Amino acid sequence: MISAYYDTNYLFKLQCQEHGSTEIQAHARTVDRLYCSLHGKAEFISAAHRKIREKTATAADLSLLLAQLHNDTAAGGLRWIAIGEPIINRVESIYRSAPAHTYLRAADAIHLASAAENGFREIFSNDKHLLAAAPLFGLQGVNLIP
């Protein structure tokens, strides 16, 4: 079974047509299961609501988007990784040893630790800060968007 860890940006681009959606959708068709931190689910919901605030989507659009997210989860194509002590301990360990110039946001650290603690070797994202910090977690950051 082929699996991949997508951060929230990539999951969102699967559902909403944005720059890079075509490349991410093509890649997603090559894997059997996508994974993301449970924190990513909250980020996804927040991003969907942001579309309403920005007036690029309606409440009905939000409902459809969240229904698709739930359907993908129920079908087993999308799995959420719970955030437990091992992940938070990994985050702490990385912050303790990271160079002073490291730009690592907490949410990105949770994504990176979630992927690393669950045996992934790659993490897919277009977030330049997350990608730059990926090696600290023993991960290769991959951006499919040209």
C-alpha atoms as a PDB file:
ATOM      1  CA  MET A   1       0.000   0.000   0.000  1.00  0.00           C
ATOM      2  CA  ILE A   2       1.354   3.397  -0.994  1.00  0.00           C
ATOM      3  CA  SER A   3       0.802   6.167   1.532  1.00  0.00           C
ATOM      4  CA  ALA A   4       1.758   9.828   1.664  1.00  0.00           C
ATOM      5  CA  TYR A   5       1.652  12.519   4.341  1.00  0.00           C
ATOM      6  CA  TYR A   6       0.127  15.790   3.118  1.00  0.00           C
ATOM      7  CA  ASP A   7       0.080  18.941   5.170  1.00  0.00           C
ATOM      8  CA  THR A   8      -3.131  20.951   5.299  1.00  0.00           C
ATOM      9  CA  ASN A   9      -2.219  23.140   2.318  1.00  0.00           C
ATOM     10  CA  TYR A  10      -1.990  20.082   0.105  1.00  0.00           C
ATOM     11  CA  LEU A  11      -5.199  18.533   1.445  1.00  0.00           C
ATOM     12  CA  PHE A  12      -7.019  21.782   0.804  1.00  0.00           C
ATOM     13  CA  LYS A  13      -5.732  22.003  -2.758  1.00  0.00           C
ATOM     14  CA  LEU A  14      -7.164  18.538  -3.382  1.00  0.00           C
ATOM     15  CA  GLN A  15     -10.657  19.884  -2.704  1.00  0.00           C
ATOM     16  CA  CYS A  16     -10.455  23.502  -3.879  1.00  0.00           C
ATOM     17  CA  GLN A  17      -9.079  24.539  -7.225  1.00  0.00           C
ATOM     18  CA  GLU A  18      -6.092  26.712  -6.463  1.00  0.00           C
ATOM     19  CA  HIS A  19      -2.610  27.111  -7.887  1.00  0.00           C
ATOM     20  CA  GLY A  20      -1.016  23.672  -7.700  1.00  0.00           C
ATOM     21  CA  SER A  21      -4.241  21.676  -7.409  1.00  0.00           C
ATOM     22  CA  THR A  22      -3.667  19.867 -10.707  1.00  0.00           C
ATOM     23  CA  GLU A  23      -0.246  18.572  -9.662  1.00  0.00           C
ATOM     24  CA  ILE A  24      -1.411  17.552  -6.199  1.00  0.00           C
ATOM     25  CA  GLN A  25      -4.520  15.820  -7.519  1.00  0.00           C
ATOM     26  CA  ALA A  26      -2.374  13.889 -10.021  1.00  0.00           C
ATOM     27  CA  HIS A  27      -0.030  12.774  -7.242  1.00  0.00           C
ATOM     28  CA  ALA A  28      -2.912  11.822  -4.934  1.00  0.00           C
ATOM     29  CA  ARG A  29      -4.178   9.416  -7.604  1.00  0.00           C
ATOM     30  CA  THR A  30      -0.869   7.505  -7.317  1.00  0.00           C
ATOM     31  CA  VAL A  31      -1.276   6.724  -3.605  1.00  0.00           C
ATOM     32  CA  ASP A  32      -3.711   4.472  -1.766  1.00  0.00           C
ATOM     33  CA  ARG A  33      -4.013   6.491   1.423  1.00  0.00           C
ATOM     34  CA  LEU A  34      -3.262  10.026   2.567  1.00  0.00           C
ATOM     35  CA  TYR A  35      -2.300  10.899   6.120  1.00  0.00           C
ATOM     36  CA  CYS A  36      -2.347  14.160   8.022  1.00  0.00           C
ATOM     37  CA  SER A  37      -2.124  15.195  11.649  1.00  0.00           C
ATOM     38  CA  LEU A  38      -5.449  15.594  13.405  1.00  0.00           C
ATOM     39  CA  HIS A  39      -4.386  19.208  13.917  1.00  0.00           C
ATOM     40  CA  GLY A  40      -4.502  19.443  10.124  1.00  0.00           C
ATOM     41  CA  LYS A  41      -8.222  18.677  10.231  1.00  0.00           C
ATOM     42  CA  ALA A  42      -8.786  21.773  12.373  1.00  0.00           C
ATOM     43  CA  GLU A  43      -6.597  23.785   9.997  1.00  0.00           C
ATOM     44  CA  PHE A  44      -8.612  22.474   7.029  1.00  0.00           C
ATOM     45  CA  ILE A  45     -11.907  23.518   8.615  1.00  0.00           C
ATOM     46  CA  SER A  46     -10.434  26.941   9.394  1.00  0.00           C
ATOM     47  CA  ALA A  47      -9.193  27.344   5.807  1.00  0.00           C
ATOM     48  CA  ALA A  48     -12.614  26.406   4.482  1.00  0.00           C
ATOM     49  CA  HIS A  49     -14.244  29.008   6.705  1.00  0.00           C
ATOM     50  CA  ARG A  50     -11.688  31.584   5.564  1.00  0.00           C
ATOM     51  CA  LYS A  51     -13.130  31.201   2.054  1.00  0.00           C
ATOM     52  CA  ILE A  52     -16.489  32.379   3.419  1.00  0.00           C
ATOM     53  CA  ARG A  53     -14.867  35.352   5.152  1.00  0.00           C
ATOM     54  CA  GLU A  54     -13.071  36.235   1.921  1.00  0.00           C
ATOM     55  CA  LYS A  55     -16.395  35.891   0.061  1.00  0.00           C
ATOM     56  CA  THR A  56     -14.994  33.324  -2.362  1.00  0.00           C
ATOM     57  CA  ALA A  57     -17.327  30.612  -1.023  1.00  0.00           C
ATOM     58  CA  THR A  58     -20.715  30.279   0.621  1.00  0.00           C
ATOM     59  CA  ALA A  59     -21.880  28.366   3.678  1.00  0.00           C
ATOM     60  CA  ALA A  60     -23.288  25.761   1.281  1.00  0.00           C
ATOM     61  CA  ASP A  61     -19.842  25.435  -0.331  1.00  0.00           C
ATOM     62  CA  LEU A  62     -18.356  24.926   3.129  1.00  0.00           C
ATOM     63  CA  SER A  63     -20.863  22.182   3.876  1.00  0.00           C
ATOM     64  CA  LEU A  64     -20.015  20.390   0.620  1.00  0.00           C
ATOM     65  CA  LEU A  65     -16.294  20.710   1.267  1.00  0.00           C
ATOM     66  CA  LEU A  66     -16.575  19.314   4.789  1.00  0.00           C
ATOM     67  CA  ALA A  67     -18.882  16.531   3.589  1.00  0.00           C
ATOM     68  CA  GLN A  68     -16.227  15.506   1.059  1.00  0.00           C
ATOM     69  CA  LEU A  69     -13.587  15.531   3.799  1.00  0.00           C
ATOM     70  CA  HIS A  70     -15.777  13.280   5.957  1.00  0.00           C
ATOM     71  CA  ASN A  71     -16.501  10.979   2.996  1.00  0.00           C
ATOM     72  CA  ASP A  72     -12.795  10.631   2.190  1.00  0.00           C
ATOM     73  CA  THR A  73     -12.125   9.810   5.840  1.00  0.00           C
ATOM     74  CA  ALA A  74     -14.985   7.302   6.071  1.00  0.00           C
ATOM     75  CA  ALA A  75     -13.849   5.599   2.860  1.00  0.00           C
ATOM     76  CA  GLY A  76     -10.366   5.140   4.336  1.00  0.00           C
ATOM     77  CA  GLY A  77      -8.557   7.234   1.747  1.00  0.00           C
ATOM     78  CA  LEU A  78      -7.680   9.845   4.348  1.00  0.00           C
ATOM     79  CA  ARG A  79      -6.414   9.022   7.817  1.00  0.00           C
ATOM     80  CA  TRP A  80      -5.896  11.428  10.703  1.00  0.00           C
ATOM     81  CA  ILE A  81      -2.923  10.938  13.016  1.00  0.00           C
ATOM     82  CA  ALA A  82      -3.751  11.621  16.659  1.00  0.00           C
ATOM     83  CA  ILE A  83      -1.461  13.987  18.513  1.00  0.00           C
ATOM     84  CA  GLY A  84      -0.068  12.198  21.541  1.00  0.00           C
ATOM     85  CA  GLU A  85       2.920  12.422  23.841  1.00  0.00           C
ATOM     86  CA  PRO A  86       5.415  10.901  21.368  1.00  0.00           C
ATOM     87  CA  ILE A  87       4.643  13.626  18.832  1.00  0.00           C
ATOM     88  CA  ILE A  88       4.838  16.442  21.384  1.00  0.00           C
ATOM     89  CA  ASN A  89       8.039  14.949  22.814  1.00  0.00           C
ATOM     90  CA  ARG A  90       9.521  14.920  19.295  1.00  0.00           C
ATOM     91  CA  VAL A  91       8.532  18.569  18.847  1.00  0.00           C
ATOM     92  CA  GLU A  92      10.215  19.464  22.139  1.00  0.00           C
ATOM     93  CA  SER A  93      13.353  17.539  21.242  1.00  0.00           C
ATOM     94  CA  ILE A  94      13.658  19.283  17.894  1.00  0.00           C
ATOM     95  CA  TYR A  95      13.165  22.744  19.355  1.00  0.00           C
ATOM     96  CA  ARG A  96      15.822  22.005  21.997  1.00  0.00           C
ATOM     97  CA  SER A  97      18.406  21.101  19.368  1.00  0.00           C
ATOM     98  CA  ALA A  98      17.394  23.318  16.430  1.00  0.00           C
ATOM     99  CA  PRO A  99      19.785  26.045  15.344  1.00  0.00           C
ATOM    100  CA  ALA A 100      18.850  29.500  16.615  1.00  0.00           C
ATOM    101  CA  HIS A 101      18.001  30.722  13.104  1.00  0.00           C
ATOM    102  CA  THR A 102      15.408  27.959  12.540  1.00  0.00           C
ATOM    103  CA  TYR A 103      11.981  29.295  11.601  1.00  0.00           C
ATOM    104  CA  LEU A 104       9.598  26.599  12.801  1.00  0.00           C
ATOM    105  CA  ARG A 105       5.986  27.305  13.684  1.00  0.00           C
ATOM    106  CA  ALA A 106       4.229  25.029  16.174  1.00  0.00           C
ATOM    107  CA  ALA A 107       1.668  23.785  13.642  1.00  0.00           C
ATOM    108  CA  ASP A 108       4.425  22.907  11.181  1.00  0.00           C
ATOM    109  CA  ALA A 109       6.347  21.134  13.934  1.00  0.00           C
ATOM    110  CA  ILE A 110       3.249  19.059  14.710  1.00  0.00           C
ATOM    111  CA  HIS A 111       2.910  18.066  11.045  1.00  0.00           C
ATOM    112  CA  LEU A 112       6.591  17.189  10.805  1.00  0.00           C
ATOM    113  CA  ALA A 113       6.640  15.237  14.070  1.00  0.00           C
ATOM    114  CA  SER A 114       3.425  13.423  13.116  1.00  0.00           C
ATOM    115  CA  ALA A 115       4.957  12.305   9.840  1.00  0.00           C
ATOM    116  CA  ALA A 116       8.293  11.333  11.398  1.00  0.00           C
ATOM    117  CA  GLU A 117       6.790   9.473  14.350  1.00  0.00           C
ATOM    118  CA  ASN A 118       4.604   7.457  11.991  1.00  0.00           C
ATOM    119  CA  GLY A 119       7.424   6.266   9.774  1.00  0.00           C
ATOM    120  CA  PHE A 120       7.086   8.571   6.813  1.00  0.00           C
ATOM    121  CA  ARG A 121      10.239   9.523   4.957  1.00  0.00           C
ATOM    122  CA  GLU A 122       8.657  12.356   2.998  1.00  0.00           C
ATOM    123  CA  ILE A 123       6.197  15.111   3.724  1.00  0.00           C
ATOM    124  CA  PHE A 124       4.331  16.866   0.927  1.00  0.00           C
ATOM    125  CA  SER A 125       3.804  20.606   1.239  1.00  0.00           C
ATOM    126  CA  ASN A 126       4.384  23.885  -0.508  1.00  0.00           C
ATOM    127  CA  ASP A 127       5.074  25.741   2.748  1.00  0.00           C
ATOM    128  CA  LYS A 128       8.659  26.952   2.462  1.00  0.00           C
ATOM    129  CA  HIS A 129       9.222  27.048   6.233  1.00  0.00           C
ATOM    130  CA  LEU A 130       7.869  23.541   6.788  1.00  0.00           C
ATOM    131  CA  LEU A 131       9.959  22.225   3.890  1.00  0.00           C
ATOM    132  CA  ALA A 132      13.103  23.915   5.234  1.00  0.00           C
ATOM    133  CA  ALA A 133      12.576  22.365   8.677  1.00  0.00           C
ATOM    134  CA  ALA A 134      11.789  18.861   7.376  1.00  0.00           C
ATOM    135  CA  PRO A 135      15.407  17.602   7.618  1.00  0.00           C
ATOM    136  CA  LEU A 136      15.429  18.395  11.347  1.00  0.00           C
ATOM    137  CA  PHE A 137      12.827  15.618  11.670  1.00  0.00           C
ATOM    138  CA  GLY A 138      14.649  13.226   9.343  1.00  0.00           C
ATOM    139  CA  LEU A 139      12.180  13.928   6.549  1.00  0.00           C
ATOM    140  CA  GLN A 140      12.521  14.937   2.941  1.00  0.00           C
ATOM    141  CA  GLY A 141      10.225  17.816   2.105  1.00  0.00           C
ATOM    142  CA  VAL A 142       8.579  17.490  -1.294  1.00  0.00           C
ATOM    143  CA  ASN A 143       6.825  20.269  -3.179  1.00  0.00           C
ATOM    144  CA  LEU A 144       5.014  19.113  -6.311  1.00  0.00           C
ATOM    145  CA  ILE A 145       3.999  22.617  -7.356  1.00  0.00           C
ATOM    146  CA  PRO A 146       6.256  24.238  -9.974  1.00  0.00           C
END
